Amino acid sequence: MTPVNNLSGQQKADQNLTAFLSWVASKTDSDYRELVLRGQLNRKEIACECGFAKSVLLQNPRVRDSLKKLEAGLRERGVLPPQVIGEGETTVAAAAESTNPRAAVDKARLKRLEAENAALKAELMELRSQLDHYRVMDEVLSRAGRLPR
C-alpha cells in the first residue's frame, strides 16, 4: 500500500473508493444487519473497517453515492427498514425499538457482555505476556543451573 502522505487528493479519493467497494463486496446481508444503527448503516463502523476517516463517507461524492445506492438496495431486500422522511416523524427503526422493551434489555445486555469480553481479552493478553516473561526467566535459570527446588 502506498504511503498516504505522497498521494494527491484525487489519488486518496480513488483509494478510499476502492477500499469502500472492496468492503461492500466482502459483506453479506447478515453482516449488514449487524451494522444497522438508527435505520441506516453505522457510518463510524464502516469507516473503521474500510480504514479511512468517517468524513470520507460525507465528503467523497463517489463514496457517498455508492453508500446511498448500497443502502437503497438493502432497503429493497429488507435488510434495512424503510426510510421515513419528514419533519417531526421518527424512522421505522426508532419506532420499532421504542415499542419493544425486550430489544432494549437485549441491547443493554449485549453491550455489557461486549465490555466484559473486551476486559477479559485485555487481561488474558497481560497474563500471557507475564507468562512469556517467566518462561524466559525459567530458561535462563535452568541454563545457569540455579533452578529453585
Protein backbone atom coordinates (compact mmCIF):
# COMPACT_ATOMS: atom_id res chain seq x y z
CA MET A 1 0.00 0.00 0.00
CA THR A 2 1.34 3.44 -0.93
CA PRO A 3 2.09 5.88 1.91
CA VAL A 4 -0.81 8.27 2.36
CA ASN A 5 1.42 11.36 2.58
CA ASN A 6 2.64 11.02 -1.02
CA LEU A 7 -0.82 10.83 -2.60
CA SER A 8 -2.74 13.63 -4.23
CA GLY A 9 -6.33 14.34 -3.20
CA GLN A 10 -7.66 12.53 -6.26
CA GLN A 11 -5.49 9.50 -5.57
CA LYS A 12 -6.68 9.39 -1.95
CA ALA A 13 -10.28 9.64 -3.15
CA ASP A 14 -9.72 6.78 -5.59
CA GLN A 15 -8.03 4.72 -2.90
CA ASN A 16 -10.91 5.33 -0.48
CA LEU A 17 -13.49 4.41 -3.12
CA THR A 18 -11.60 1.20 -3.88
CA ALA A 19 -11.44 0.36 -0.17
CA PHE A 20 -15.17 1.01 0.22
CA LEU A 21 -16.15 -1.06 -2.83
CA SER A 22 -14.00 -3.99 -1.73
CA TRP A 23 -15.55 -3.72 1.75
CA VAL A 24 -19.05 -3.82 0.19
CA ALA A 25 -18.11 -6.87 -1.88
CA SER A 26 -16.89 -8.71 1.22
CA LYS A 27 -20.15 -8.33 3.19
CA THR A 28 -23.29 -10.43 3.29
CA ASP A 29 -26.80 -9.38 4.25
CA SER A 30 -26.30 -10.75 7.75
CA ASP A 31 -23.10 -8.68 8.08
CA TYR A 32 -25.06 -5.58 7.09
CA ARG A 33 -27.79 -6.37 9.64
CA GLU A 34 -25.16 -6.26 12.37
CA LEU A 35 -24.14 -2.76 11.24
CA VAL A 36 -27.63 -1.22 11.37
CA LEU A 37 -27.85 1.81 13.64
CA ARG A 38 -30.96 4.02 13.73
CA GLY A 39 -32.30 2.68 10.45
CA GLN A 40 -29.09 3.04 8.46
CA LEU A 41 -25.64 1.53 8.32
CA ASN A 42 -23.29 2.62 11.11
CA ARG A 43 -21.02 5.18 9.44
CA LYS A 44 -18.35 5.03 12.13
CA GLU A 45 -18.08 1.26 11.89
CA ILE A 46 -17.91 1.37 8.08
CA ALA A 47 -15.11 3.93 8.17
CA CYS A 48 -13.21 1.89 10.74
CA GLU A 49 -13.49 -1.33 8.75
CA CYS A 50 -12.52 0.44 5.49
CA GLY A 51 -9.54 2.13 7.09
CA PHE A 52 -10.43 5.75 6.43
CA ALA A 53 -11.98 8.67 8.31
CA LYS A 54 -15.73 8.92 8.78
CA SER A 55 -15.66 12.24 6.90
CA VAL A 56 -14.81 10.34 3.69
CA LEU A 57 -18.37 8.96 3.70
CA LEU A 58 -19.71 12.51 3.60
CA GLN A 59 -17.10 14.41 1.62
CA ASN A 60 -16.11 11.97 -1.14
CA PRO A 61 -19.00 12.19 -3.61
CA ARG A 62 -18.36 8.79 -5.21
CA VAL A 63 -18.17 7.01 -1.85
CA ARG A 64 -21.25 8.91 -0.60
CA ASP A 65 -23.24 7.96 -3.73
CA SER A 66 -22.10 4.34 -3.51
CA LEU A 67 -23.21 4.22 0.13
CA LYS A 68 -26.62 5.67 -0.76
CA LYS A 69 -27.05 3.09 -3.54
CA LEU A 70 -25.98 0.32 -1.16
CA GLU A 71 -28.48 1.39 1.48
CA ALA A 72 -31.25 1.72 -1.13
CA GLY A 73 -30.52 -1.82 -2.30
CA LEU A 74 -30.51 -3.10 1.25
CA ARG A 75 -33.89 -1.42 1.89
CA GLU A 76 -35.32 -3.13 -1.21
CA ARG A 77 -34.06 -6.51 0.05
CA GLY A 78 -35.48 -5.87 3.52
CA VAL A 79 -32.11 -5.73 5.28
CA LEU A 80 -32.63 -2.10 6.30
CA PRO A 81 -36.00 -0.74 7.45
CA PRO A 82 -37.91 1.57 5.10
CA GLN A 83 -36.88 5.19 5.35
CA VAL A 84 -39.43 7.74 6.57
CA ILE A 85 -38.70 11.34 5.63
CA GLY A 86 -40.49 14.31 7.13
CA GLU A 87 -40.34 16.81 9.96
CA GLY A 88 -41.29 15.54 13.38
CA GLU A 89 -41.54 11.94 12.20
CA THR A 90 -39.38 9.16 13.53
CA THR A 91 -37.89 6.41 11.44
CA VAL A 92 -39.48 2.99 11.44
CA ALA A 93 -36.45 1.55 13.23
CA ALA A 94 -36.69 4.03 16.09
CA ALA A 95 -40.42 3.38 16.43
CA ALA A 96 -39.86 -0.37 16.47
CA GLU A 97 -37.17 -0.07 19.14
CA SER A 98 -39.35 2.07 21.38
CA THR A 99 -42.25 -0.41 21.26
CA ASN A 100 -40.12 -3.46 22.05
CA PRO A 101 -38.79 -3.34 25.63
CA ARG A 102 -37.10 -6.72 25.17
CA ALA A 103 -34.88 -5.22 22.47
CA ALA A 104 -33.65 -2.54 24.88
CA VAL A 105 -32.87 -5.17 27.53
CA ASP A 106 -31.07 -7.33 24.97
CA LYS A 107 -29.12 -4.35 23.68
CA ALA A 108 -28.01 -3.39 27.21
CA ARG A 109 -27.03 -6.99 27.97
CA LEU A 110 -25.10 -7.26 24.72
CA LYS A 111 -23.24 -4.04 25.47
CA ARG A 112 -22.38 -5.25 28.98
CA LEU A 113 -21.18 -8.63 27.68
CA GLU A 114 -19.07 -7.00 24.96
CA ALA A 115 -17.42 -4.74 27.55
CA GLU A 116 -16.77 -7.73 29.82
CA ASN A 117 -15.36 -9.69 26.88
CA ALA A 118 -13.01 -6.84 25.97
CA ALA A 119 -11.81 -6.58 29.59
CA LEU A 120 -11.19 -10.32 29.76
CA LYS A 121 -9.27 -10.27 26.47
CA ALA A 122 -7.07 -7.45 27.78
CA GLU A 123 -6.43 -9.37 31.00
CA LEU A 124 -5.60 -12.51 29.02
CA MET A 125 -3.08 -10.61 26.90
CA GLU A 126 -1.42 -9.21 30.05
CA LEU A 127 -1.24 -12.64 31.68
CA ARG A 128 0.21 -14.21 28.53
CA SER A 129 2.93 -11.55 28.39
CA GLN A 130 3.76 -12.23 32.06
CA LEU A 131 3.86 -15.96 31.37
CA ASP A 132 6.28 -15.41 28.48
CA HIS A 133 8.47 -13.30 30.77
CA TYR A 134 8.57 -16.04 33.40
CA ARG A 135 9.29 -18.71 30.79
CA VAL A 136 12.35 -16.76 29.68
CA MET A 137 13.47 -16.37 33.29
CA ASP A 138 12.98 -20.10 33.90
CA GLU A 139 15.02 -20.96 30.83
CA VAL A 140 17.88 -18.65 31.88
CA LEU A 141 17.90 -20.06 35.42
CA SER A 142 17.88 -23.66 34.19
CA ARG A 143 20.82 -22.98 31.85
CA ALA A 144 22.74 -21.35 34.70
CA GLY A 145 21.99 -24.30 36.96
CA ARG A 146 20.16 -22.19 39.51
CA LEU A 147 16.72 -23.67 39.46
CA PRO A 148 14.95 -23.41 42.83
CA ARG A 149 13.97 -26.71 44.44
